Amino acid sequence: MNRIIDEKHHVYGPWIVVARHKLNYHPKTCGMARWICVCRHCGAKKIYMGNGLRFGHYAHTCRECGGS
């Protein structure tokens, strides 16, 4: 089993990672860790997969406030 990289308190664009999302393992889907992110400008929440955050696959602006 692979280890989980702790993303808590990291910042990616306007997003701050605040907590790990509940376990999401299903036999027919990937078991990647998901993280709850909050916009540092308006507080909007969004959930991203950990490797998506690390490789830049996230919204670079918040849809709610347009902050970047």
PDB file of N, CA and C in Angstrom:
ATOM      1  N   MET A   1       0.837  -1.176   0.000  1.00  0.00           N
ATOM      2  CA  MET A   1       0.000   0.000   0.000  1.00  0.00           C
ATOM      3  C   MET A   1       0.884   1.242   0.000  1.00  0.00           C
ATOM      4  N   ASN A   2       0.519   2.226  -0.803  1.00  0.00           N
ATOM      5  CA  ASN A   2       1.280   3.468  -0.891  1.00  0.00           C
ATOM      6  C   ASN A   2       1.013   4.358   0.310  1.00  0.00           C
ATOM      7  N   ARG A   3       1.995   5.164   0.656  1.00  0.00           N
ATOM      8  CA  ARG A   3       1.792   6.087   1.764  1.00  0.00           C
ATOM      9  C   ARG A   3       1.081   7.339   1.272  1.00  0.00           C
ATOM     10  N   ILE A   4       0.384   8.002   2.168  1.00  0.00           N
ATOM     11  CA  ILE A   4      -0.343   9.214   1.828  1.00  0.00           C
ATOM     12  C   ILE A   4       0.545  10.411   2.134  1.00  0.00           C
ATOM     13  N   ILE A   5       0.677  11.300   1.166  1.00  0.00           N
ATOM     14  CA  ILE A   5       1.443  12.523   1.360  1.00  0.00           C
ATOM     15  C   ILE A   5       0.520  13.534   2.029  1.00  0.00           C
ATOM     16  N   ASP A   6       0.930  14.019   3.183  1.00  0.00           N
ATOM     17  CA  ASP A   6       0.100  14.956   3.933  1.00  0.00           C
ATOM     18  C   ASP A   6       0.133  16.328   3.271  1.00  0.00           C
ATOM     19  N   GLU A   7      -1.002  16.768   2.784  1.00  0.00           N
ATOM     20  CA  GLU A   7      -1.112  18.048   2.089  1.00  0.00           C
ATOM     21  C   GLU A   7      -1.664  19.148   2.983  1.00  0.00           C
ATOM     22  N   LYS A   8      -1.993  18.827   4.222  1.00  0.00           N
ATOM     23  CA  LYS A   8      -2.632  19.778   5.116  1.00  0.00           C
ATOM     24  C   LYS A   8      -1.766  21.029   5.287  1.00  0.00           C
ATOM     25  N   HIS A   9      -2.392  22.202   5.201  1.00  0.00           N
ATOM     26  CA  HIS A   9      -1.791  23.527   5.339  1.00  0.00           C
ATOM     27  C   HIS A   9      -0.946  23.953   4.134  1.00  0.00           C
ATOM     28  N   HIS A  10      -0.939  23.177   3.054  1.00  0.00           N
ATOM     29  CA  HIS A  10      -0.234  23.614   1.844  1.00  0.00           C
ATOM     30  C   HIS A  10      -1.136  24.565   1.067  1.00  0.00           C
ATOM     31  N   VAL A  11      -0.516  25.443   0.285  1.00  0.00           N
ATOM     32  CA  VAL A  11      -1.258  26.433  -0.506  1.00  0.00           C
ATOM     33  C   VAL A  11      -1.002  26.159  -1.986  1.00  0.00           C
ATOM     34  N   TYR A  12      -2.084  26.071  -2.767  1.00  0.00           N
ATOM     35  CA  TYR A  12      -2.007  25.859  -4.216  1.00  0.00           C
ATOM     36  C   TYR A  12      -2.885  26.915  -4.873  1.00  0.00           C
ATOM     37  N   GLY A  13      -2.267  27.921  -5.470  1.00  0.00           N
ATOM     38  CA  GLY A  13      -3.034  29.022  -6.057  1.00  0.00           C
ATOM     39  C   GLY A  13      -3.844  29.689  -4.958  1.00  0.00           C
ATOM     40  N   PRO A  14      -5.157  29.861  -5.159  1.00  0.00           N
ATOM     41  CA  PRO A  14      -5.967  30.484  -4.116  1.00  0.00           C
ATOM     42  C   PRO A  14      -6.428  29.488  -3.047  1.00  0.00           C
ATOM     43  N   TRP A  15      -6.064  28.227  -3.179  1.00  0.00           N
ATOM     44  CA  TRP A  15      -6.587  27.175  -2.307  1.00  0.00           C
ATOM     45  C   TRP A  15      -5.638  26.820  -1.176  1.00  0.00           C
ATOM     46  N   ILE A  16      -6.184  26.721   0.023  1.00  0.00           N
ATOM     47  CA  ILE A  16      -5.453  26.256   1.200  1.00  0.00           C
ATOM     48  C   ILE A  16      -6.056  24.908   1.590  1.00  0.00           C
ATOM     49  N   VAL A  17      -5.219  23.899   1.725  1.00  0.00           N
ATOM     50  CA  VAL A  17      -5.686  22.566   2.099  1.00  0.00           C
ATOM     51  C   VAL A  17      -5.921  22.561   3.605  1.00  0.00           C
ATOM     52  N   VAL A  18      -7.155  22.228   4.025  1.00  0.00           N
ATOM     53  CA  VAL A  18      -7.485  22.284   5.444  1.00  0.00           C
ATOM     54  C   VAL A  18      -7.634  20.915   6.096  1.00  0.00           C
ATOM     55  N   ALA A  19      -8.072  19.908   5.341  1.00  0.00           N
ATOM     56  CA  ALA A  19      -8.279  18.592   5.947  1.00  0.00           C
ATOM     57  C   ALA A  19      -8.389  17.536   4.861  1.00  0.00           C
ATOM     58  N   ARG A  20      -8.244  16.293   5.285  1.00  0.00           N
ATOM     59  CA  ARG A  20      -8.431  15.172   4.374  1.00  0.00           C
ATOM     60  C   ARG A  20      -9.913  14.835   4.294  1.00  0.00           C
ATOM     61  N   HIS A  21     -10.373  14.578   3.095  1.00  0.00           N
ATOM     62  CA  HIS A  21     -11.754  14.176   2.882  1.00  0.00           C
ATOM     63  C   HIS A  21     -11.915  12.753   3.373  1.00  0.00           C
ATOM     64  N   LYS A  22     -13.136  12.350   3.649  1.00  0.00           N
ATOM     65  CA  LYS A  22     -13.374  10.987   4.141  1.00  0.00           C
ATOM     66  C   LYS A  22     -12.769   9.951   3.200  1.00  0.00           C
ATOM     67  N   LEU A  23     -12.545   8.778   3.701  1.00  0.00           N
ATOM     68  CA  LEU A  23     -11.985   7.711   2.874  1.00  0.00           C
ATOM     69  C   LEU A  23     -12.865   7.477   1.663  1.00  0.00           C
ATOM     70  N   ASN A  24     -12.255   7.278   0.525  1.00  0.00           N
ATOM     71  CA  ASN A  24     -13.016   7.163  -0.710  1.00  0.00           C
ATOM     72  C   ASN A  24     -12.679   5.896  -1.485  1.00  0.00           C
ATOM     73  N   TYR A  25     -12.300   4.850  -0.791  1.00  0.00           N
ATOM     74  CA  TYR A  25     -11.933   3.633  -1.505  1.00  0.00           C
ATOM     75  C   TYR A  25     -13.182   2.868  -1.931  1.00  0.00           C
ATOM     76  N   HIS A  26     -13.254   2.601  -3.202  1.00  0.00           N
ATOM     77  CA  HIS A  26     -14.278   1.737  -3.775  1.00  0.00           C
ATOM     78  C   HIS A  26     -13.555   0.764  -4.685  1.00  0.00           C
ATOM     79  N   PRO A  27     -13.940  -0.503  -4.708  1.00  0.00           N
ATOM     80  CA  PRO A  27     -13.203  -1.492  -5.500  1.00  0.00           C
ATOM     81  C   PRO A  27     -13.038  -1.142  -6.972  1.00  0.00           C
ATOM     82  N   LYS A  28     -13.970  -0.406  -7.559  1.00  0.00           N
ATOM     83  CA  LYS A  28     -13.896  -0.148  -8.997  1.00  0.00           C
ATOM     84  C   LYS A  28     -13.368   1.245  -9.325  1.00  0.00           C
ATOM     85  N   THR A  29     -12.973   2.022  -8.333  1.00  0.00           N
ATOM     86  CA  THR A  29     -12.410   3.347  -8.582  1.00  0.00           C
ATOM     87  C   THR A  29     -11.046   3.446  -7.923  1.00  0.00           C
ATOM     88  N   CYS A  30     -10.342   4.510  -8.225  1.00  0.00           N
ATOM     89  CA  CYS A  30      -9.020   4.682  -7.643  1.00  0.00           C
ATOM     90  C   CYS A  30      -9.152   5.038  -6.164  1.00  0.00           C
ATOM     91  N   GLY A  31      -8.139   4.733  -5.404  1.00  0.00           N
ATOM     92  CA  GLY A  31      -8.154   5.003  -3.980  1.00  0.00           C
ATOM     93  C   GLY A  31      -7.285   6.173  -3.601  1.00  0.00           C
ATOM     94  N   MET A  32      -7.175   7.170  -4.458  1.00  0.00           N
ATOM     95  CA  MET A  32      -6.321   8.319  -4.173  1.00  0.00           C
ATOM     96  C   MET A  32      -6.928   9.180  -3.071  1.00  0.00           C
ATOM     97  N   ALA A  33      -6.053   9.790  -2.275  1.00  0.00           N
ATOM     98  CA  ALA A  33      -6.512  10.651  -1.187  1.00  0.00           C
ATOM     99  C   ALA A  33      -7.111  11.928  -1.746  1.00  0.00           C
ATOM    100  N   ARG A  34      -8.210  12.350  -1.141  1.00  0.00           N
ATOM    101  CA  ARG A  34      -8.854  13.603  -1.523  1.00  0.00           C
ATOM    102  C   ARG A  34      -8.718  14.575  -0.371  1.00  0.00           C
ATOM    103  N   TRP A  35      -8.634  15.852  -0.716  1.00  0.00           N
ATOM    104  CA  TRP A  35      -8.391  16.884   0.274  1.00  0.00           C
ATOM    105  C   TRP A  35      -9.413  17.994   0.142  1.00  0.00           C
ATOM    106  N   ILE A  36      -9.864  18.517   1.287  1.00  0.00           N
ATOM    107  CA  ILE A  36     -10.794  19.639   1.317  1.00  0.00           C
ATOM    108  C   ILE A  36      -9.964  20.917   1.270  1.00  0.00           C
ATOM    109  N   CYS A  37     -10.259  21.747   0.289  1.00  0.00           N
ATOM    110  CA  CYS A  37      -9.529  23.006   0.109  1.00  0.00           C
ATOM    111  C   CYS A  37     -10.493  24.172   0.296  1.00  0.00           C
ATOM    112  N   VAL A  38      -9.973  25.270   0.820  1.00  0.00           N
ATOM    113  CA  VAL A  38     -10.764  26.475   1.059  1.00  0.00           C
ATOM    114  C   VAL A  38     -10.090  27.650   0.349  1.00  0.00           C
ATOM    115  N   CYS A  39     -10.892  28.462  -0.336  1.00  0.00           N
ATOM    116  CA  CYS A  39     -10.359  29.659  -0.989  1.00  0.00           C
ATOM    117  C   CYS A  39      -9.908  30.640   0.084  1.00  0.00           C
ATOM    118  N   ARG A  40      -8.712  31.140  -0.054  1.00  0.00           N
ATOM    119  CA  ARG A  40      -8.193  32.049   0.969  1.00  0.00           C
ATOM    120  C   ARG A  40      -8.791  33.442   0.858  1.00  0.00           C
ATOM    121  N   HIS A  41      -9.542  33.728  -0.220  1.00  0.00           N
ATOM    122  CA  HIS A  41     -10.162  35.037  -0.397  1.00  0.00           C
ATOM    123  C   HIS A  41     -11.605  35.077   0.104  1.00  0.00           C
ATOM    124  N   CYS A  42     -12.388  34.046  -0.210  1.00  0.00           N
ATOM    125  CA  CYS A  42     -13.819  34.093   0.132  1.00  0.00           C
ATOM    126  C   CYS A  42     -14.285  32.933   1.009  1.00  0.00           C
ATOM    127  N   GLY A  43     -13.471  31.898   1.174  1.00  0.00           N
ATOM    128  CA  GLY A  43     -13.855  30.776   2.028  1.00  0.00           C
ATOM    129  C   GLY A  43     -14.637  29.672   1.328  1.00  0.00           C
ATOM    130  N   ALA A  44     -14.763  29.732   0.013  1.00  0.00           N
ATOM    131  CA  ALA A  44     -15.462  28.679  -0.729  1.00  0.00           C
ATOM    132  C   ALA A  44     -14.686  27.367  -0.600  1.00  0.00           C
ATOM    133  N   LYS A  45     -15.407  26.256  -0.529  1.00  0.00           N
ATOM    134  CA  LYS A  45     -14.770  24.940  -0.364  1.00  0.00           C
ATOM    135  C   LYS A  45     -14.807  24.146  -1.653  1.00  0.00           C
ATOM    136  N   LYS A  46     -13.773  23.340  -1.857  1.00  0.00           N
ATOM    137  CA  LYS A  46     -13.682  22.462  -3.011  1.00  0.00           C
ATOM    138  C   LYS A  46     -12.844  21.257  -2.628  1.00  0.00           C
ATOM    139  N   ILE A  47     -13.099  20.122  -3.246  1.00  0.00           N
ATOM    140  CA  ILE A  47     -12.363  18.894  -2.949  1.00  0.00           C
ATOM    141  C   ILE A  47     -11.507  18.526  -4.164  1.00  0.00           C
ATOM    142  N   TYR A  48     -10.225  18.267  -3.901  1.00  0.00           N
ATOM    143  CA  TYR A  48      -9.288  17.881  -4.953  1.00  0.00           C
ATOM    144  C   TYR A  48      -8.546  16.614  -4.548  1.00  0.00           C
ATOM    145  N   MET A  49      -8.095  15.849  -5.541  1.00  0.00           N
ATOM    146  CA  MET A  49      -7.221  14.715  -5.273  1.00  0.00           C
ATOM    147  C   MET A  49      -5.806  15.225  -5.042  1.00  0.00           C
ATOM    148  N   GLY A  50      -5.075  14.539  -4.181  1.00  0.00           N
ATOM    149  CA  GLY A  50      -3.742  14.974  -3.799  1.00  0.00           C
ATOM    150  C   GLY A  50      -2.780  15.114  -4.963  1.00  0.00           C
ATOM    151  N   ASN A  51      -2.741  14.125  -5.845  1.00  0.00           N
ATOM    152  CA  ASN A  51      -1.793  14.230  -6.954  1.00  0.00           C
ATOM    153  C   ASN A  51      -2.218  15.313  -7.941  1.00  0.00           C
ATOM    154  N   GLY A  52      -3.494  15.613  -8.027  1.00  0.00           N
ATOM    155  CA  GLY A  52      -3.956  16.713  -8.869  1.00  0.00           C
ATOM    156  C   GLY A  52      -3.443  18.046  -8.356  1.00  0.00           C
ATOM    157  N   LEU A  53      -3.428  18.207  -7.046  1.00  0.00           N
ATOM    158  CA  LEU A  53      -2.883  19.431  -6.459  1.00  0.00           C
ATOM    159  C   LEU A  53      -1.395  19.550  -6.742  1.00  0.00           C
ATOM    160  N   ARG A  54      -0.662  18.473  -6.519  1.00  0.00           N
ATOM    161  CA  ARG A  54       0.792  18.511  -6.689  1.00  0.00           C
ATOM    162  C   ARG A  54       1.218  18.741  -8.136  1.00  0.00           C
ATOM    163  N   PHE A  55       0.428  18.280  -9.093  1.00  0.00           N
ATOM    164  CA  PHE A  55       0.787  18.421 -10.506  1.00  0.00           C
ATOM    165  C   PHE A  55       0.086  19.595 -11.192  1.00  0.00           C
ATOM    166  N   GLY A  56      -0.589  20.444 -10.416  1.00  0.00           N
ATOM    167  CA  GLY A  56      -1.188  21.657 -10.971  1.00  0.00           C
ATOM    168  C   GLY A  56      -2.544  21.493 -11.611  1.00  0.00           C
ATOM    169  N   HIS A  57      -3.229  20.376 -11.345  1.00  0.00           N
ATOM    170  CA  HIS A  57      -4.555  20.139 -11.921  1.00  0.00           C
ATOM    171  C   HIS A  57      -5.620  20.598 -10.934  1.00  0.00           C
ATOM    172  N   TYR A  58      -5.713  21.899 -10.762  1.00  0.00           N
ATOM    173  CA  TYR A  58      -6.710  22.496  -9.889  1.00  0.00           C
ATOM    174  C   TYR A  58      -7.120  23.828 -10.506  1.00  0.00           C
ATOM    175  N   ALA A  59      -8.246  24.385 -10.028  1.00  0.00           N
ATOM    176  CA  ALA A  59      -8.702  25.671 -10.555  1.00  0.00           C
ATOM    177  C   ALA A  59      -7.752  26.760 -10.048  1.00  0.00           C
ATOM    178  N   HIS A  60      -7.151  27.488 -10.955  1.00  0.00           N
ATOM    179  CA  HIS A  60      -6.201  28.527 -10.569  1.00  0.00           C
ATOM    180  C   HIS A  60      -6.896  29.812 -10.141  1.00  0.00           C
ATOM    181  N   THR A  61      -8.211  29.870 -10.311  1.00  0.00           N
ATOM    182  CA  THR A  61      -9.022  30.962  -9.770  1.00  0.00           C
ATOM    183  C   THR A  61     -10.249  30.358  -9.129  1.00  0.00           C
ATOM    184  N   CYS A  62     -10.769  31.033  -8.130  1.00  0.00           N
ATOM    185  CA  CYS A  62     -11.984  30.572  -7.440  1.00  0.00           C
ATOM    186  C   CYS A  62     -13.194  30.974  -8.258  1.00  0.00           C
ATOM    187  N   ARG A  63     -14.123  30.066  -8.440  1.00  0.00           N
ATOM    188  CA  ARG A  63     -15.317  30.352  -9.216  1.00  0.00           C
ATOM    189  C   ARG A  63     -16.249  31.333  -8.480  1.00  0.00           C
ATOM    190  N   GLU A  64     -16.222  31.297  -7.150  1.00  0.00           N
ATOM    191  CA  GLU A  64     -17.110  32.145  -6.357  1.00  0.00           C
ATOM    192  C   GLU A  64     -16.682  33.608  -6.383  1.00  0.00           C
ATOM    193  N   CYS A  65     -15.405  33.880  -6.147  1.00  0.00           N
ATOM    194  CA  CYS A  65     -14.972  35.276  -6.010  1.00  0.00           C
ATOM    195  C   CYS A  65     -14.036  35.729  -7.133  1.00  0.00           C
ATOM    196  N   GLY A  66     -13.518  34.814  -7.933  1.00  0.00           N
ATOM    197  CA  GLY A  66     -12.606  35.171  -9.011  1.00  0.00           C
ATOM    198  C   GLY A  66     -11.199  35.419  -8.544  1.00  0.00           C
ATOM    199  N   GLY A  67     -10.925  35.156  -7.268  1.00  0.00           N
ATOM    200  CA  GLY A  67      -9.579  35.381  -6.712  1.00  0.00           C
ATOM    201  C   GLY A  67      -8.565  34.413  -7.284  1.00  0.00           C
ATOM    202  N   SER A  68      -7.356  34.865  -7.425  1.00  0.00           N
ATOM    203  CA  SER A  68      -6.302  33.996  -7.944  1.00  0.00           C
ATOM    204  C   SER A  68      -5.061  34.073  -7.090  1.00  0.00           C
TER     205      SER A  68
END
